[in-house]
Amino acid sequence: MSLHFSEATHQALLAKVPSVTGRELPEWYREIDDGPCFSRFEDRVHWLQDEHSIAHGHATAIAREHHRLRVSRGQH
């Protein structure tokens, strides 16, 4: 089941990522880039949860923002 956050909730979750994970967002984006190649968004979220013990909401926000950045750079 995927979560659909409002933009305000998404931004609030992103703002808390460093304090709840101990890592800044760019570190998480590199982790995703260097991690396993998943074709599905939900697989990336589950990998972040399982491999790095991140709560579902924060993992979803990280994966969502990573995807947005890739799209904005033309790296679908």
PDB file of N, CA and C in Angstrom:
ATOM      1  N   MET A   1       0.848  -1.178   0.000  1.00  0.00           N
ATOM      2  CA  MET A   1       0.000   0.000   0.000  1.00  0.00           C
ATOM      3  C   MET A   1       0.892   1.239   0.000  1.00  0.00           C
ATOM      4  N   SER A   2       0.685   2.107  -0.922  1.00  0.00           N
ATOM      5  CA  SER A   2       1.515   3.300  -0.977  1.00  0.00           C
ATOM      6  C   SER A   2       0.814   4.445  -0.243  1.00  0.00           C
ATOM      7  N   LEU A   3       1.630   5.319   0.305  1.00  0.00           N
ATOM      8  CA  LEU A   3       1.100   6.499   0.973  1.00  0.00           C
ATOM      9  C   LEU A   3       1.171   7.676   0.021  1.00  0.00           C
ATOM     10  N   HIS A   4       0.131   8.487   0.020  1.00  0.00           N
ATOM     11  CA  HIS A   4       0.125   9.698  -0.791  1.00  0.00           C
ATOM     12  C   HIS A   4       0.069  10.875   0.170  1.00  0.00           C
ATOM     13  N   PHE A   5       1.186  11.562   0.295  1.00  0.00           N
ATOM     14  CA  PHE A   5       1.286  12.683   1.216  1.00  0.00           C
ATOM     15  C   PHE A   5       0.931  13.978   0.512  1.00  0.00           C
ATOM     16  N   SER A   6       0.422  14.910   1.302  1.00  0.00           N
ATOM     17  CA  SER A   6       0.295  16.272   0.797  1.00  0.00           C
ATOM     18  C   SER A   6       1.706  16.826   0.660  1.00  0.00           C
ATOM     19  N   GLU A   7       1.850  17.900  -0.077  1.00  0.00           N
ATOM     20  CA  GLU A   7       3.169  18.511  -0.240  1.00  0.00           C
ATOM     21  C   GLU A   7       3.703  18.998   1.105  1.00  0.00           C
ATOM     22  N   ALA A   8       2.829  19.531   1.948  1.00  0.00           N
ATOM     23  CA  ALA A   8       3.262  20.003   3.271  1.00  0.00           C
ATOM     24  C   ALA A   8       3.778  18.851   4.126  1.00  0.00           C
ATOM     25  N   THR A   9       3.096  17.727   4.101  1.00  0.00           N
ATOM     26  CA  THR A   9       3.545  16.560   4.861  1.00  0.00           C
ATOM     27  C   THR A   9       4.857  16.034   4.304  1.00  0.00           C
ATOM     28  N   HIS A  10       4.962  15.995   2.988  1.00  0.00           N
ATOM     29  CA  HIS A  10       6.202  15.542   2.346  1.00  0.00           C
ATOM     30  C   HIS A  10       7.380  16.408   2.802  1.00  0.00           C
ATOM     31  N   GLN A  11       7.220  17.714   2.768  1.00  0.00           N
ATOM     32  CA  GLN A  11       8.292  18.623   3.170  1.00  0.00           C
ATOM     33  C   GLN A  11       8.621  18.473   4.662  1.00  0.00           C
ATOM     34  N   ALA A  12       7.609  18.266   5.486  1.00  0.00           N
ATOM     35  CA  ALA A  12       7.843  18.074   6.923  1.00  0.00           C
ATOM     36  C   ALA A  12       8.635  16.792   7.175  1.00  0.00           C
ATOM     37  N   LEU A  13       8.291  15.727   6.462  1.00  0.00           N
ATOM     38  CA  LEU A  13       9.033  14.468   6.607  1.00  0.00           C
ATOM     39  C   LEU A  13      10.480  14.637   6.149  1.00  0.00           C
ATOM     40  N   LEU A  14      10.677  15.308   5.009  1.00  0.00           N
ATOM     41  CA  LEU A  14      12.046  15.536   4.522  1.00  0.00           C
ATOM     42  C   LEU A  14      12.868  16.326   5.528  1.00  0.00           C
ATOM     43  N   ALA A  15      12.255  17.327   6.135  1.00  0.00           N
ATOM     44  CA  ALA A  15      12.975  18.169   7.095  1.00  0.00           C
ATOM     45  C   ALA A  15      13.454  17.363   8.301  1.00  0.00           C
ATOM     46  N   LYS A  16      12.729  16.306   8.650  1.00  0.00           N
ATOM     47  CA  LYS A  16      13.083  15.495   9.817  1.00  0.00           C
ATOM     48  C   LYS A  16      14.054  14.365   9.503  1.00  0.00           C
ATOM     49  N   VAL A  17      14.277  14.077   8.229  1.00  0.00           N
ATOM     50  CA  VAL A  17      15.148  12.947   7.860  1.00  0.00           C
ATOM     51  C   VAL A  17      16.513  13.010   8.541  1.00  0.00           C
ATOM     52  N   PRO A  18      17.225  14.127   8.491  1.00  0.00           N
ATOM     53  CA  PRO A  18      18.556  14.138   9.130  1.00  0.00           C
ATOM     54  C   PRO A  18      18.511  13.822  10.624  1.00  0.00           C
ATOM     55  N   SER A  19      17.522  14.334  11.327  1.00  0.00           N
ATOM     56  CA  SER A  19      17.476  14.089  12.773  1.00  0.00           C
ATOM     57  C   SER A  19      17.048  12.668  13.118  1.00  0.00           C
ATOM     58  N   VAL A  20      16.190  12.055  12.293  1.00  0.00           N
ATOM     59  CA  VAL A  20      15.739  10.694  12.620  1.00  0.00           C
ATOM     60  C   VAL A  20      16.647   9.606  12.052  1.00  0.00           C
ATOM     61  N   THR A  21      17.442   9.952  11.023  1.00  0.00           N
ATOM     62  CA  THR A  21      18.315   8.931  10.423  1.00  0.00           C
ATOM     63  C   THR A  21      19.794   9.169  10.691  1.00  0.00           C
ATOM     64  N   GLY A  22      20.150  10.395  11.071  1.00  0.00           N
ATOM     65  CA  GLY A  22      21.559  10.711  11.276  1.00  0.00           C
ATOM     66  C   GLY A  22      22.314  10.983   9.990  1.00  0.00           C
ATOM     67  N   ARG A  23      21.593  11.063   8.872  1.00  0.00           N
ATOM     68  CA  ARG A  23      22.210  11.314   7.567  1.00  0.00           C
ATOM     69  C   ARG A  23      21.428  12.384   6.820  1.00  0.00           C
ATOM     70  N   GLU A  24      22.159  13.207   6.070  1.00  0.00           N
ATOM     71  CA  GLU A  24      21.540  14.257   5.270  1.00  0.00           C
ATOM     72  C   GLU A  24      20.915  13.658   4.001  1.00  0.00           C
ATOM     73  N   LEU A  25      19.971  14.379   3.418  1.00  0.00           N
ATOM     74  CA  LEU A  25      19.283  13.889   2.217  1.00  0.00           C
ATOM     75  C   LEU A  25      20.232  13.540   1.073  1.00  0.00           C
ATOM     76  N   PRO A  26      21.230  14.377   0.739  1.00  0.00           N
ATOM     77  CA  PRO A  26      22.129  13.989  -0.360  1.00  0.00           C
ATOM     78  C   PRO A  26      22.822  12.633  -0.126  1.00  0.00           C
ATOM     79  N   GLU A  27      23.088  12.310   1.129  1.00  0.00           N
ATOM     80  CA  GLU A  27      23.675  10.994   1.430  1.00  0.00           C
ATOM     81  C   GLU A  27      22.695   9.881   1.081  1.00  0.00           C
ATOM     82  N   TRP A  28      21.420  10.093   1.389  1.00  0.00           N
ATOM     83  CA  TRP A  28      20.411   9.086   1.053  1.00  0.00           C
ATOM     84  C   TRP A  28      20.230   8.952  -0.458  1.00  0.00           C
ATOM     85  N   TYR A  29      20.313  10.076  -1.167  1.00  0.00           N
ATOM     86  CA  TYR A  29      20.184  10.005  -2.625  1.00  0.00           C
ATOM     87  C   TYR A  29      21.338   9.208  -3.214  1.00  0.00           C
ATOM     88  N   ARG A  30      22.550   9.417  -2.708  1.00  0.00           N
ATOM     89  CA  ARG A  30      23.702   8.625  -3.174  1.00  0.00           C
ATOM     90  C   ARG A  30      23.525   7.151  -2.821  1.00  0.00           C
ATOM     91  N   GLU A  31      22.977   6.891  -1.642  1.00  0.00           N
ATOM     92  CA  GLU A  31      22.737   5.509  -1.218  1.00  0.00           C
ATOM     93  C   GLU A  31      21.787   4.822  -2.197  1.00  0.00           C
ATOM     94  N   ILE A  32      20.733   5.515  -2.594  1.00  0.00           N
ATOM     95  CA  ILE A  32      19.789   4.953  -3.569  1.00  0.00           C
ATOM     96  C   ILE A  32      20.490   4.747  -4.908  1.00  0.00           C
ATOM     97  N   ASP A  33      21.252   5.748  -5.366  1.00  0.00           N
ATOM     98  CA  ASP A  33      21.960   5.629  -6.643  1.00  0.00           C
ATOM     99  C   ASP A  33      22.948   4.460  -6.642  1.00  0.00           C
ATOM    100  N   ASP A  34      23.604   4.243  -5.508  1.00  0.00           N
ATOM    101  CA  ASP A  34      24.608   3.180  -5.408  1.00  0.00           C
ATOM    102  C   ASP A  34      24.020   1.832  -5.020  1.00  0.00           C
ATOM    103  N   GLY A  35      22.766   1.816  -4.603  1.00  0.00           N
ATOM    104  CA  GLY A  35      22.126   0.581  -4.146  1.00  0.00           C
ATOM    105  C   GLY A  35      21.619  -0.258  -5.301  1.00  0.00           C
ATOM    106  N   PRO A  36      20.848  -1.274  -4.966  1.00  0.00           N
ATOM    107  CA  PRO A  36      20.289  -2.153  -6.004  1.00  0.00           C
ATOM    108  C   PRO A  36      19.405  -1.376  -6.980  1.00  0.00           C
ATOM    109  N   CYS A  37      19.355  -1.845  -8.196  1.00  0.00           N
ATOM    110  CA  CYS A  37      18.541  -1.215  -9.231  1.00  0.00           C
ATOM    111  C   CYS A  37      17.113  -1.760  -9.147  1.00  0.00           C
ATOM    112  N   PHE A  38      16.212  -0.914  -8.711  1.00  0.00           N
ATOM    113  CA  PHE A  38      14.805  -1.298  -8.614  1.00  0.00           C
ATOM    114  C   PHE A  38      14.014  -0.536  -9.658  1.00  0.00           C
ATOM    115  N   SER A  39      13.124  -1.214 -10.343  1.00  0.00           N
ATOM    116  CA  SER A  39      12.302  -0.526 -11.337  1.00  0.00           C
ATOM    117  C   SER A  39      11.055   0.083 -10.703  1.00  0.00           C
ATOM    118  N   ARG A  40      10.654  -0.428  -9.549  1.00  0.00           N
ATOM    119  CA  ARG A  40       9.438   0.079  -8.898  1.00  0.00           C
ATOM    120  C   ARG A  40       9.772   0.976  -7.718  1.00  0.00           C
ATOM    121  N   PHE A  41       9.035   2.053  -7.596  1.00  0.00           N
ATOM    122  CA  PHE A  41       9.190   2.997  -6.491  1.00  0.00           C
ATOM    123  C   PHE A  41       9.052   2.294  -5.146  1.00  0.00           C
ATOM    124  N   GLU A  42       8.013   1.492  -5.001  1.00  0.00           N
ATOM    125  CA  GLU A  42       7.754   0.809  -3.728  1.00  0.00           C
ATOM    126  C   GLU A  42       8.915  -0.114  -3.340  1.00  0.00           C
ATOM    127  N   ASP A  43       9.599  -0.687  -4.319  1.00  0.00           N
ATOM    128  CA  ASP A  43      10.756  -1.535  -4.007  1.00  0.00           C
ATOM    129  C   ASP A  43      11.880  -0.713  -3.384  1.00  0.00           C
ATOM    130  N   ARG A  44      12.077   0.510  -3.869  1.00  0.00           N
ATOM    131  CA  ARG A  44      13.081   1.405  -3.268  1.00  0.00           C
ATOM    132  C   ARG A  44      12.704   1.742  -1.833  1.00  0.00           C
ATOM    133  N   VAL A  45      11.422   2.033  -1.614  1.00  0.00           N
ATOM    134  CA  VAL A  45      10.941   2.357  -0.273  1.00  0.00           C
ATOM    135  C   VAL A  45      11.169   1.170   0.667  1.00  0.00           C
ATOM    136  N   HIS A  46      10.786  -0.016   0.244  1.00  0.00           N
ATOM    137  CA  HIS A  46      10.960  -1.205   1.091  1.00  0.00           C
ATOM    138  C   HIS A  46      12.439  -1.495   1.345  1.00  0.00           C
ATOM    139  N   TRP A  47      13.283  -1.265   0.357  1.00  0.00           N
ATOM    140  CA  TRP A  47      14.724  -1.469   0.555  1.00  0.00           C
ATOM    141  C   TRP A  47      15.255  -0.503   1.610  1.00  0.00           C
ATOM    142  N   LEU A  48      14.866   0.766   1.540  1.00  0.00           N
ATOM    143  CA  LEU A  48      15.295   1.728   2.560  1.00  0.00           C
ATOM    144  C   LEU A  48      14.814   1.297   3.943  1.00  0.00           C
ATOM    145  N   GLN A  49      13.590   0.825   4.023  1.00  0.00           N
ATOM    146  CA  GLN A  49      13.050   0.372   5.299  1.00  0.00           C
ATOM    147  C   GLN A  49      13.813  -0.846   5.822  1.00  0.00           C
ATOM    148  N   ASP A  50      13.976  -1.834   4.979  1.00  0.00           N
ATOM    149  CA  ASP A  50      14.574  -3.102   5.404  1.00  0.00           C
ATOM    150  C   ASP A  50      16.075  -3.001   5.621  1.00  0.00           C
ATOM    151  N   GLU A  51      16.762  -2.371   4.712  1.00  0.00           N
ATOM    152  CA  GLU A  51      18.226  -2.307   4.761  1.00  0.00           C
ATOM    153  C   GLU A  51      18.730  -1.270   5.762  1.00  0.00           C
ATOM    154  N   HIS A  52      17.963  -0.195   5.948  1.00  0.00           N
ATOM    155  CA  HIS A  52      18.446   0.918   6.773  1.00  0.00           C
ATOM    156  C   HIS A  52      17.541   1.247   7.958  1.00  0.00           C
ATOM    157  N   SER A  53      16.530   0.437   8.170  1.00  0.00           N
ATOM    158  CA  SER A  53      15.623   0.604   9.324  1.00  0.00           C
ATOM    159  C   SER A  53      15.001   1.998   9.397  1.00  0.00           C
ATOM    160  N   ILE A  54      14.550   2.478   8.250  1.00  0.00           N
ATOM    161  CA  ILE A  54      13.891   3.782   8.181  1.00  0.00           C
ATOM    162  C   ILE A  54      12.379   3.558   8.208  1.00  0.00           C
ATOM    163  N   ALA A  55      11.678   4.396   8.954  1.00  0.00           N
ATOM    164  CA  ALA A  55      10.220   4.314   8.997  1.00  0.00           C
ATOM    165  C   ALA A  55       9.637   4.517   7.599  1.00  0.00           C
ATOM    166  N   HIS A  56       8.482   3.926   7.363  1.00  0.00           N
ATOM    167  CA  HIS A  56       7.871   3.954   6.036  1.00  0.00           C
ATOM    168  C   HIS A  56       7.666   5.380   5.510  1.00  0.00           C
ATOM    169  N   GLY A  57       7.159   6.266   6.345  1.00  0.00           N
ATOM    170  CA  GLY A  57       6.910   7.642   5.894  1.00  0.00           C
ATOM    171  C   GLY A  57       8.173   8.352   5.454  1.00  0.00           C
ATOM    172  N   HIS A  58       9.241   8.210   6.219  1.00  0.00           N
ATOM    173  CA  HIS A  58      10.501   8.859   5.862  1.00  0.00           C
ATOM    174  C   HIS A  58      11.129   8.198   4.631  1.00  0.00           C
ATOM    175  N   ALA A  59      11.046   6.882   4.551  1.00  0.00           N
ATOM    176  CA  ALA A  59      11.586   6.175   3.377  1.00  0.00           C
ATOM    177  C   ALA A  59      10.840   6.602   2.120  1.00  0.00           C
ATOM    178  N   THR A  60       9.534   6.753   2.216  1.00  0.00           N
ATOM    179  CA  THR A  60       8.732   7.191   1.073  1.00  0.00           C
ATOM    180  C   THR A  60       9.113   8.610   0.665  1.00  0.00           C
ATOM    181  N   ALA A  61       9.287   9.487   1.636  1.00  0.00           N
ATOM    182  CA  ALA A  61       9.657  10.875   1.335  1.00  0.00           C
ATOM    183  C   ALA A  61      11.029  10.936   0.667  1.00  0.00           C
ATOM    184  N   ILE A  62      11.989  10.165   1.155  1.00  0.00           N
ATOM    185  CA  ILE A  62      13.327  10.145   0.557  1.00  0.00           C
ATOM    186  C   ILE A  62      13.238   9.654  -0.884  1.00  0.00           C
ATOM    187  N   ALA A  63      12.562   8.529  -1.102  1.00  0.00           N
ATOM    188  CA  ALA A  63      12.456   7.960  -2.446  1.00  0.00           C
ATOM    189  C   ALA A  63      11.697   8.901  -3.386  1.00  0.00           C
ATOM    190  N   ARG A  64      10.650   9.529  -2.874  1.00  0.00           N
ATOM    191  CA  ARG A  64       9.862  10.459  -3.692  1.00  0.00           C
ATOM    192  C   ARG A  64      10.706  11.660  -4.120  1.00  0.00           C
ATOM    193  N   GLU A  65      11.458  12.235  -3.178  1.00  0.00           N
ATOM    194  CA  GLU A  65      12.279  13.399  -3.500  1.00  0.00           C
ATOM    195  C   GLU A  65      13.431  13.010  -4.431  1.00  0.00           C
ATOM    196  N   HIS A  66      14.005  11.837  -4.221  1.00  0.00           N
ATOM    197  CA  HIS A  66      15.066  11.346  -5.113  1.00  0.00           C
ATOM    198  C   HIS A  66      14.528  11.231  -6.535  1.00  0.00           C
ATOM    199  N   HIS A  67      13.333  10.684  -6.673  1.00  0.00           N
ATOM    200  CA  HIS A  67      12.713  10.551  -7.992  1.00  0.00           C
ATOM    201  C   HIS A  67      12.472  11.931  -8.616  1.00  0.00           C
ATOM    202  N   ARG A  68      11.964  12.868  -7.841  1.00  0.00           N
ATOM    203  CA  ARG A  68      11.732  14.230  -8.348  1.00  0.00           C
ATOM    204  C   ARG A  68      13.025  14.852  -8.876  1.00  0.00           C
ATOM    205  N   LEU A  69      14.104  14.688  -8.128  1.00  0.00           N
ATOM    206  CA  LEU A  69      15.389  15.252  -8.550  1.00  0.00           C
ATOM    207  C   LEU A  69      15.876  14.615  -9.845  1.00  0.00           C
ATOM    208  N   ARG A  70      15.726  13.301  -9.964  1.00  0.00           N
ATOM    209  CA  ARG A  70      16.139  12.606 -11.184  1.00  0.00           C
ATOM    210  C   ARG A  70      15.329  13.086 -12.386  1.00  0.00           C
ATOM    211  N   VAL A  71      14.029  13.233 -12.215  1.00  0.00           N
ATOM    212  CA  VAL A  71      13.161  13.698 -13.303  1.00  0.00           C
ATOM    213  C   VAL A  71      13.545  15.119 -13.705  1.00  0.00           C
ATOM    214  N   SER A  72      13.806  15.965 -12.710  1.00  0.00           N
ATOM    215  CA  SER A  72      14.158  17.356 -13.024  1.00  0.00           C
ATOM    216  C   SER A  72      15.491  17.450 -13.774  1.00  0.00           C
ATOM    217  N   ARG A  73      16.360  16.449 -13.622  1.00  0.00           N
ATOM    218  CA  ARG A  73      17.634  16.404 -14.336  1.00  0.00           C
ATOM    219  C   ARG A  73      17.541  15.630 -15.648  1.00  0.00           C
ATOM    220  N   GLY A  74      16.348  15.110 -15.936  1.00  0.00           N
ATOM    221  CA  GLY A  74      16.162  14.330 -17.148  1.00  0.00           C
ATOM    222  C   GLY A  74      16.686  12.916 -17.055  1.00  0.00           C
ATOM    223  N   GLN A  75      16.827  12.393 -15.841  1.00  0.00           N
ATOM    224  CA  GLN A  75      17.351  11.043 -15.609  1.00  0.00           C
ATOM    225  C   GLN A  75      16.230  10.086 -15.206  1.00  0.00           C
ATOM    226  N   HIS A  76      15.240   9.971 -15.988  1.00  0.00           N
ATOM    227  CA  HIS A  76      14.084   9.128 -15.617  1.00  0.00           C
ATOM    228  C   HIS A  76      14.594   7.786 -15.262  1.00  0.00           C
TER     229      HIS A  76
END
